[in-house]
């Protein structure tokens, strides 16, 4: 049903809140939760593989993926922020049942990927200290659980993702400087690429705004109480900054590996990122361990938090949500400890799920912005932003078609 609200000036809604100092801190946490959820073990592996494959030309793929990510997140954060409703609740109001389908996809995909995230923490711990990966994974899961055991779990969540996110950026900056990459060549290829690989671009986009990652920051923003038309400026700025943080990390890792490759070192192992860091000696390997561990741990937290937000109500008591999140992490860790590695077949299946989640969920939000002004408290959605969103959505449909091959691979 289309809203016919004639009011020229949008209503902020009865529960709209404009960020104060505490809310700005919460927005910072939401921004880093989105960014660090995207920066996981798969992110590091993809960046390493594609840098070796494309060299300096990978810079163009990074630029395109960042622009598309901004188009997606600007719309997602604004629609969720203005409506004050989580993605699945909006879905059920637009078309009853769609929200539950979206919740199921996010939850199943998030659980499977979280097993891989726990495995990543174990590998990171091993590279950092030489500790057995299983023990490292168990300890890391315990650390993630402690975040939600705290009586001030929201504050603890915001602080740990900000600290670990900043730590990753600083370490990557150091390695990028030490490896002395050909920055001029990378800048040239950013706008005049020697080679364009569209599969690489679509893979990057799926990895940074696919699955639960799309909603991690926006749902955290709602839970911190930031919503309404009055908060649009802060919401938009924070969503862009979150993608920029992800982009900065991608660029720094790209430059670090590009410097090693340009220096004549051939990266041939299955773990090219670790191999590149090892070019700097033992300390390089230890630093890689810290980066991988931090990336995986924040992804464990982000996947658990967001997945549970899709199967609980906004009125659910915080304590109940925290215990459900703890159970989610514990189950992920238990499965990893039982099988000793990330289940590759399930990861392929979950990857295909991620490809389906993005166009379904994003399409619902764009429809609400276009035709359901009543859900946005009468707010008139900017036409330019809607057009940008629709163009990005069309690309996500292409991604969904590509992801079907992931399911086909299971039966080949």
Protein backbone atom coordinates (compact mmCIF):
# COMPACT_ATOMS: atom_id res chain seq x y z
CA UNK A 1 0.00 0.00 0.00
CA UNK A 2 1.42 3.35 -0.99
CA UNK A 3 1.41 6.12 1.58
CA UNK A 4 -0.30 9.32 0.50
CA UNK A 5 1.15 11.52 3.21
CA UNK A 6 1.01 15.05 1.80
CA UNK A 7 3.13 16.64 4.48
CA UNK A 8 5.99 18.50 2.79
CA UNK A 9 8.16 18.30 5.85
CA UNK A 10 8.97 14.83 7.18
CA UNK A 11 7.95 13.87 10.66
CA UNK A 12 10.73 12.50 12.73
CA UNK A 13 8.42 10.03 14.43
CA UNK A 14 7.69 9.81 18.13
CA UNK A 15 10.88 7.94 18.96
CA UNK A 16 13.36 9.81 16.80
CA UNK A 17 16.64 10.56 18.54
CA UNK A 18 19.35 12.94 17.50
CA UNK A 19 22.85 11.80 18.47
CA UNK A 20 24.47 13.42 21.48
CA UNK A 21 27.99 12.67 22.77
CA UNK A 22 27.13 9.13 23.91
CA UNK A 23 25.32 8.42 20.67
CA UNK A 24 28.29 9.64 18.65
CA UNK A 25 30.38 7.06 20.49
CA UNK A 26 27.77 4.42 19.65
CA UNK A 27 27.83 5.48 15.99
CA UNK A 28 31.61 5.09 16.00
CA UNK A 29 31.13 1.56 17.32
CA UNK A 30 28.47 0.84 14.66
CA UNK A 31 30.80 2.14 11.95
CA UNK A 32 33.67 -0.09 13.06
CA UNK A 33 31.35 -3.08 13.56
CA UNK A 34 30.31 -2.81 9.91
CA UNK A 35 33.91 -2.31 8.75
CA UNK A 36 35.49 -5.04 10.88
CA UNK A 37 32.70 -7.49 10.02
CA UNK A 38 33.71 -7.04 6.38
CA UNK A 39 37.42 -7.40 7.20
CA UNK A 40 37.59 -11.11 7.99
CA UNK A 41 39.82 -14.05 7.02
CA UNK A 42 38.16 -14.21 3.59
CA UNK A 43 38.82 -10.52 3.05
CA UNK A 44 42.56 -11.03 3.67
CA UNK A 45 42.69 -14.11 1.43
CA UNK A 46 40.81 -12.42 -1.43
CA UNK A 47 42.94 -9.28 -1.33
CA UNK A 48 46.15 -11.32 -1.38
CA UNK A 49 45.05 -13.60 -4.23
CA UNK A 50 43.79 -10.76 -6.41
CA UNK A 51 46.88 -8.60 -5.85
CA UNK A 52 49.08 -11.46 -7.06
CA UNK A 53 46.73 -12.06 -9.99
CA UNK A 54 46.24 -8.47 -11.19
CA UNK A 55 49.16 -6.55 -9.71
CA UNK A 56 48.69 -2.75 -9.72
CA UNK A 57 45.52 -3.12 -11.85
CA UNK A 58 43.75 -4.44 -8.74
CA UNK A 59 43.53 -0.80 -7.60
CA UNK A 60 40.70 -0.17 -10.09
CA UNK A 61 38.68 -3.11 -8.75
CA UNK A 62 39.08 -1.74 -5.23
CA UNK A 63 37.85 1.71 -6.29
CA UNK A 64 34.74 0.34 -8.05
CA UNK A 65 33.87 -1.95 -5.13
CA UNK A 66 34.16 0.95 -2.65
CA UNK A 67 31.83 3.15 -4.76
CA UNK A 68 29.22 0.37 -4.98
CA UNK A 69 29.57 -0.35 -1.26
CA UNK A 70 28.88 3.32 -0.49
CA UNK A 71 25.76 3.28 -2.69
CA UNK A 72 24.44 0.21 -0.85
CA UNK A 73 25.26 1.29 2.69
CA UNK A 74 24.01 4.88 2.25
CA UNK A 75 20.58 3.47 1.39
CA UNK A 76 20.57 0.65 3.96
CA UNK A 77 21.56 2.89 6.87
CA UNK A 78 19.16 5.69 5.87
CA UNK A 79 16.07 3.49 5.41
CA UNK A 80 16.71 1.51 8.61
CA UNK A 81 17.69 4.63 10.56
CA UNK A 82 14.71 6.76 9.50
CA UNK A 83 12.15 3.94 9.90
CA UNK A 84 13.57 2.82 13.23
CA UNK A 85 12.94 -0.78 12.16
CA UNK A 86 15.34 -3.67 11.58
CA UNK A 87 15.61 -5.06 8.05
CA UNK A 88 13.46 -8.15 8.74
CA UNK A 89 10.70 -6.07 10.36
CA UNK A 90 10.62 -3.74 7.37
CA UNK A 91 10.49 -6.81 5.12
CA UNK A 92 7.45 -8.22 6.90
CA UNK A 93 5.64 -4.88 6.69
CA UNK A 94 6.37 -4.55 2.96
CA UNK A 95 5.41 -8.17 2.16
CA UNK A 96 4.46 -10.52 5.04
CA UNK A 97 6.89 -13.42 5.28
CA UNK A 98 9.78 -11.83 3.40
CA UNK A 99 11.34 -10.70 6.65
CA UNK A 100 11.35 -14.25 8.01
CA UNK A 101 12.96 -15.57 4.82
CA UNK A 102 15.64 -12.89 5.13
CA UNK A 103 16.17 -13.79 8.81
CA UNK A 104 16.62 -17.48 7.97
CA UNK A 105 19.14 -16.71 5.22
CA UNK A 106 21.16 -14.35 7.42
CA UNK A 107 21.12 -16.68 10.44
CA UNK A 108 22.15 -19.84 8.56
CA UNK A 109 24.79 -18.03 6.51
CA UNK A 110 26.09 -16.22 9.61
CA UNK A 111 26.43 -19.47 11.60
CA UNK A 112 28.37 -21.24 8.85
CA UNK A 113 30.67 -18.29 8.24
CA UNK A 114 31.24 -17.91 11.95
CA UNK A 115 32.76 -21.39 12.04
CA UNK A 116 35.23 -20.10 9.45
CA UNK A 117 35.80 -16.94 11.51
CA UNK A 118 36.64 -19.00 14.62
CA UNK A 119 39.02 -21.08 12.49
CA UNK A 120 40.61 -17.80 11.38
CA UNK A 121 41.23 -16.74 14.98
CA UNK A 122 42.97 -20.07 15.57
CA UNK A 123 45.25 -19.62 12.56
CA UNK A 124 45.97 -16.04 13.64
CA UNK A 125 46.86 -17.15 17.16
CA UNK A 126 49.14 -19.82 15.67
CA UNK A 127 50.98 -17.27 13.51
CA UNK A 128 51.22 -14.87 16.48
CA UNK A 129 52.46 -17.24 19.15
CA UNK A 130 52.88 -20.74 17.68
CA UNK A 131 49.91 -21.93 19.77
CA UNK A 132 47.87 -24.88 18.45
CA UNK A 133 45.10 -23.46 16.18
CA UNK A 134 42.34 -25.35 18.01
CA UNK A 135 43.42 -23.94 21.37
CA UNK A 136 43.79 -20.49 19.84
CA UNK A 137 40.29 -20.72 18.38
CA UNK A 138 38.83 -21.79 21.72
CA UNK A 139 40.56 -18.93 23.57
CA UNK A 140 39.40 -16.42 20.97
CA UNK A 141 35.80 -17.64 21.21
CA UNK A 142 36.05 -17.20 24.99
CA UNK A 143 37.23 -13.60 24.51
CA UNK A 144 34.28 -12.92 22.19
CA UNK A 145 31.90 -14.46 24.73
CA UNK A 146 33.29 -12.26 27.53
CA UNK A 147 32.32 -9.18 25.51
CA UNK A 148 28.65 -10.21 25.81
CA UNK A 149 28.88 -11.46 29.41
CA UNK A 150 29.60 -7.91 30.55
CA UNK A 151 26.71 -5.96 32.08
CA UNK A 152 27.63 -3.16 29.68
CA UNK A 153 27.93 -5.43 26.65
CA UNK A 154 27.01 -2.65 24.22
CA UNK A 155 29.84 -0.43 25.43
CA UNK A 156 32.27 -3.36 25.47
CA UNK A 157 31.26 -4.28 21.91
CA UNK A 158 31.79 -0.74 20.63
CA UNK A 159 35.20 -0.42 22.31
CA UNK A 160 36.69 -3.74 21.23
CA UNK A 161 35.77 -3.33 17.55
CA UNK A 162 37.15 0.22 17.51
CA UNK A 163 40.42 -0.78 19.22
CA UNK A 164 40.99 -3.89 17.07
CA UNK A 165 40.00 -2.03 13.91
CA UNK A 166 42.49 0.75 14.65
CA UNK A 167 45.18 -1.83 15.50
CA UNK A 168 44.72 -3.59 12.14
CA UNK A 169 44.98 -0.32 10.23
CA UNK A 170 48.16 0.75 12.06
CA UNK A 171 49.89 -2.61 11.52
CA UNK A 172 48.91 -2.67 7.85
CA UNK A 173 50.15 0.90 7.42
CA UNK A 174 53.53 -0.11 8.85
CA UNK A 175 53.86 -3.14 6.57
CA UNK A 176 52.70 -1.12 3.55
CA UNK A 177 55.43 1.46 4.19
CA UNK A 178 58.15 -1.13 4.82
CA UNK A 179 57.36 -3.08 1.62
CA UNK A 180 57.86 0.12 -0.46
CA UNK A 181 55.14 -0.51 -3.07
CA UNK A 182 55.05 1.32 -6.44
CA UNK A 183 52.41 3.85 -5.32
CA UNK A 184 52.56 5.85 -8.56
CA UNK A 185 51.76 2.78 -10.64
CA UNK A 186 48.90 1.87 -8.30
CA UNK A 187 47.44 5.40 -8.56
CA UNK A 188 47.62 5.30 -12.36
CA UNK A 189 45.84 1.94 -12.46
CA UNK A 190 43.11 3.27 -10.18
CA UNK A 191 41.71 5.31 -13.08
CA UNK A 192 43.50 3.78 -16.10
CA UNK A 193 43.67 0.04 -15.33
CA UNK A 194 45.90 -2.18 -17.45
CA UNK A 195 43.40 -4.99 -16.91
CA UNK A 196 39.77 -5.19 -15.72
CA UNK A 197 38.38 -8.37 -14.15
CA UNK A 198 34.64 -8.10 -13.47
CA UNK A 199 34.55 -11.36 -11.51
CA UNK A 200 37.10 -9.91 -9.09
CA UNK A 201 34.99 -6.76 -8.68
CA UNK A 202 31.79 -8.70 -7.97
CA UNK A 203 33.64 -10.93 -5.50
CA UNK A 204 34.92 -7.88 -3.61
CA UNK A 205 31.45 -6.34 -3.43
CA UNK A 206 29.89 -9.57 -2.19
CA UNK A 207 32.60 -9.83 0.47
CA UNK A 208 32.12 -6.32 1.85
CA UNK A 209 28.34 -5.82 1.73
CA UNK A 210 27.06 -9.40 1.41
CA UNK A 211 25.13 -11.45 3.97
CA UNK A 212 24.99 -10.22 7.55
CA UNK A 213 27.67 -7.57 6.85
CA UNK A 214 25.08 -5.38 5.07
CA UNK A 215 23.14 -4.89 8.29
CA UNK A 216 25.76 -5.18 11.04
CA UNK A 217 26.34 -1.44 11.52
CA UNK A 218 22.76 -0.31 10.87
CA UNK A 219 21.29 -2.75 13.41
CA UNK A 220 23.92 -1.75 15.99
CA UNK A 221 22.99 1.89 15.35
CA UNK A 222 19.31 1.15 16.10
CA UNK A 223 20.17 -0.76 19.28
CA UNK A 224 22.19 2.22 20.50
CA UNK A 225 19.09 4.41 20.12
CA UNK A 226 20.12 6.50 17.10
CA UNK A 227 17.22 6.84 14.65
CA UNK A 228 14.82 9.30 13.07
CA UNK A 229 14.96 12.03 10.45
CA UNK A 230 16.90 14.37 12.75
CA UNK A 231 19.80 11.91 12.74
CA UNK A 232 20.07 11.58 8.93
CA UNK A 233 23.25 13.65 8.64
CA UNK A 234 25.10 11.58 11.24
CA UNK A 235 23.72 8.29 9.89
CA UNK A 236 24.85 9.04 6.32
CA UNK A 237 28.29 10.26 7.37
CA UNK A 238 28.88 7.22 9.57
CA UNK A 239 27.83 4.73 6.88
CA UNK A 240 30.27 6.28 4.38
CA UNK A 241 33.08 6.35 6.94
CA UNK A 242 32.50 2.66 7.66
CA UNK A 243 33.02 1.77 4.00
CA UNK A 244 36.06 4.07 3.85
CA UNK A 245 37.60 2.27 6.85
CA UNK A 246 37.07 -1.02 5.01
CA UNK A 247 38.54 0.52 1.85
CA UNK A 248 41.59 1.87 3.69
CA UNK A 249 42.30 -1.58 5.10
CA UNK A 250 41.91 -3.14 1.64
CA UNK A 251 44.22 -0.53 0.07
CA UNK A 252 46.90 -0.93 2.76
CA UNK A 253 46.90 -4.73 2.49
CA UNK A 254 46.98 -4.40 -1.32
CA UNK A 255 49.96 -2.02 -1.18
CA UNK A 256 51.82 -4.21 1.32
CA UNK A 257 51.54 -7.29 -0.90
CA UNK A 258 52.10 -5.30 -4.11
CA UNK A 259 55.39 -4.03 -2.66
CA UNK A 260 56.55 -7.59 -1.98
CA UNK A 261 55.52 -8.81 -5.45
CA UNK A 262 57.04 -5.79 -7.20
CA UNK A 263 60.27 -6.49 -5.30
CA UNK A 264 60.59 -9.79 -7.15
CA UNK A 265 59.28 -12.21 -4.51
CA UNK A 266 57.08 -14.95 -6.02
CA UNK A 267 54.10 -15.79 -3.80
CA UNK A 268 53.11 -19.35 -4.62
CA UNK A 269 51.74 -20.89 -1.41
CA UNK A 270 48.07 -21.34 -0.47
CA UNK A 271 48.46 -18.57 2.13
CA UNK A 272 49.88 -15.72 0.08
CA UNK A 273 49.19 -13.07 2.72
CA UNK A 274 51.29 -14.90 5.33
CA UNK A 275 53.98 -15.51 2.75
CA UNK A 276 54.10 -11.81 1.89
CA UNK A 277 54.42 -10.80 5.54
CA UNK A 278 57.14 -13.40 6.07
CA UNK A 279 59.23 -11.52 3.53
CA UNK A 280 59.79 -9.08 6.42
CA UNK A 281 61.13 -11.91 8.61
CA UNK A 282 59.79 -13.43 11.83
CA UNK A 283 58.36 -10.12 13.01
CA UNK A 284 56.40 -9.90 9.76
CA UNK A 285 54.83 -13.31 10.39
CA UNK A 286 53.91 -12.27 13.96
CA UNK A 287 52.31 -9.09 12.65
CA UNK A 288 50.34 -11.10 10.12
CA UNK A 289 49.12 -13.25 13.00
CA UNK A 290 47.89 -10.18 14.89
CA UNK A 291 46.09 -8.82 11.80
CA UNK A 292 44.46 -12.17 10.97
CA UNK A 293 43.45 -12.76 14.59
CA UNK A 294 41.97 -9.28 15.00
CA UNK A 295 40.15 -9.53 11.67
CA UNK A 296 38.71 -12.94 12.54
CA UNK A 297 37.77 -12.04 16.14
CA UNK A 298 35.87 -8.90 15.11
CA UNK A 299 34.11 -10.95 12.43
CA UNK A 300 33.12 -13.55 15.05
CA UNK A 301 31.59 -10.76 17.13
CA UNK A 302 29.94 -9.05 14.16
CA UNK A 303 28.45 -12.25 12.72
CA UNK A 304 27.08 -13.35 16.08
CA UNK A 305 25.63 -9.96 17.01
CA UNK A 306 23.96 -9.39 13.63
CA UNK A 307 22.66 -12.94 13.18
CA UNK A 308 20.94 -12.82 16.58
CA UNK A 309 19.48 -9.38 15.75
CA UNK A 310 17.60 -11.11 12.92
CA UNK A 311 15.94 -13.73 15.15
CA UNK A 312 15.01 -11.48 18.07
CA UNK A 313 12.70 -8.49 18.44
CA UNK A 314 13.79 -4.93 19.19
CA UNK A 315 11.81 -5.29 22.43
CA UNK A 316 13.77 -8.40 23.47
CA UNK A 317 15.62 -7.76 26.73
CA UNK A 318 19.34 -6.98 26.18
CA UNK A 319 20.31 -9.73 28.63
CA UNK A 320 18.35 -12.32 26.63
CA UNK A 321 19.97 -11.13 23.37
CA UNK A 322 23.41 -11.33 24.95
CA UNK A 323 22.89 -14.93 26.11
CA UNK A 324 21.62 -15.95 22.69
CA UNK A 325 24.69 -14.31 21.13
CA UNK A 326 26.94 -16.20 23.56
CA UNK A 327 25.23 -19.47 22.59
CA UNK A 328 25.72 -18.64 18.90
CA UNK A 329 29.47 -18.13 19.42
CA UNK A 330 29.76 -21.25 21.59
CA UNK A 331 28.04 -23.44 18.96
CA UNK A 332 30.29 -22.02 16.20
CA UNK A 333 33.39 -22.74 18.28
CA UNK A 334 32.21 -26.25 19.24
CA UNK A 335 31.64 -27.22 15.60
CA UNK A 336 35.11 -25.89 14.66
CA UNK A 337 36.75 -27.84 17.50
CA UNK A 338 34.95 -31.02 16.45
CA UNK A 339 35.94 -30.90 12.78
CA UNK A 340 39.25 -29.03 13.24
CA UNK A 341 38.83 -26.74 10.23
CA UNK A 342 36.38 -24.53 8.39
CA UNK A 343 33.92 -26.73 6.44
CA UNK A 344 34.68 -25.82 2.82
CA UNK A 345 31.48 -27.30 1.34
CA UNK A 346 29.31 -25.41 3.82
CA UNK A 347 31.27 -22.22 3.19
CA UNK A 348 30.49 -22.51 -0.53
CA UNK A 349 26.83 -23.03 0.29
CA UNK A 350 26.81 -20.07 2.70
CA UNK A 351 28.57 -17.97 0.08
CA UNK A 352 25.70 -18.69 -2.30
CA UNK A 353 23.29 -17.72 0.49
CA UNK A 354 25.11 -14.40 0.85
CA UNK A 355 24.63 -13.73 -2.83
CA UNK A 356 20.87 -14.18 -2.39
CA UNK A 357 20.56 -12.15 0.81
CA UNK A 358 21.85 -8.91 -0.70
CA UNK A 359 19.30 -8.38 -3.52
CA UNK A 360 16.36 -9.63 -1.42
CA UNK A 361 17.05 -7.50 1.62
CA UNK A 362 18.29 -4.48 -0.33
CA UNK A 363 15.32 -4.68 -2.71
CA UNK A 364 12.89 -4.62 0.24
CA UNK A 365 14.56 -1.53 1.70
CA UNK A 366 14.53 0.31 -1.64
CA UNK A 367 10.84 -0.51 -2.12
CA UNK A 368 10.09 0.90 1.34
CA UNK A 369 11.99 4.08 0.40
CA UNK A 370 10.11 4.34 -2.92
CA UNK A 371 6.54 3.29 -2.10
CA UNK A 372 6.12 3.07 1.70
CA UNK A 373 6.59 6.61 2.94
CA UNK A 374 4.35 5.71 5.89
CA UNK A 375 7.10 3.41 7.21
CA UNK A 376 9.55 6.33 7.05
CA UNK A 377 7.28 8.63 9.10
CA UNK A 378 6.37 10.68 6.01
CA UNK A 379 10.00 11.32 5.06
CA UNK A 380 10.47 12.16 1.37
CA UNK A 381 13.34 9.99 0.18
CA UNK A 382 15.90 11.74 -2.09
CA UNK A 383 15.37 10.71 -5.72
CA UNK A 384 19.10 10.76 -6.50
CA UNK A 385 19.84 8.36 -3.65
CA UNK A 386 17.05 6.02 -4.75
CA UNK A 387 18.39 5.99 -8.34
CA UNK A 388 21.91 5.25 -7.12
CA UNK A 389 20.48 2.48 -4.95
CA UNK A 390 18.52 0.91 -7.81
CA UNK A 391 21.64 0.84 -10.01
CA UNK A 392 23.57 -0.84 -7.19
CA UNK A 393 20.67 -3.27 -6.66
CA UNK A 394 20.80 -4.29 -10.32
CA UNK A 395 24.43 -5.26 -9.78
CA UNK A 396 23.48 -7.29 -6.70
CA UNK A 397 21.01 -9.24 -8.83
CA UNK A 398 23.90 -10.10 -11.14
CA UNK A 399 25.88 -11.17 -8.05
CA UNK A 400 22.99 -13.42 -6.99
CA UNK A 401 22.99 -15.15 -10.39
CA UNK A 402 26.75 -15.64 -10.07
CA UNK A 403 26.34 -17.10 -6.57
CA UNK A 404 24.10 -19.88 -7.89
CA UNK A 405 27.24 -21.43 -9.39
CA UNK A 406 28.39 -21.90 -5.79
CA UNK A 407 25.46 -24.23 -5.16
CA UNK A 408 26.05 -26.01 -8.48
CA UNK A 409 29.68 -26.62 -7.43
CA UNK A 410 28.43 -28.73 -4.51
CA UNK A 411 26.90 -31.24 -6.89
CA UNK A 412 29.54 -31.27 -9.63
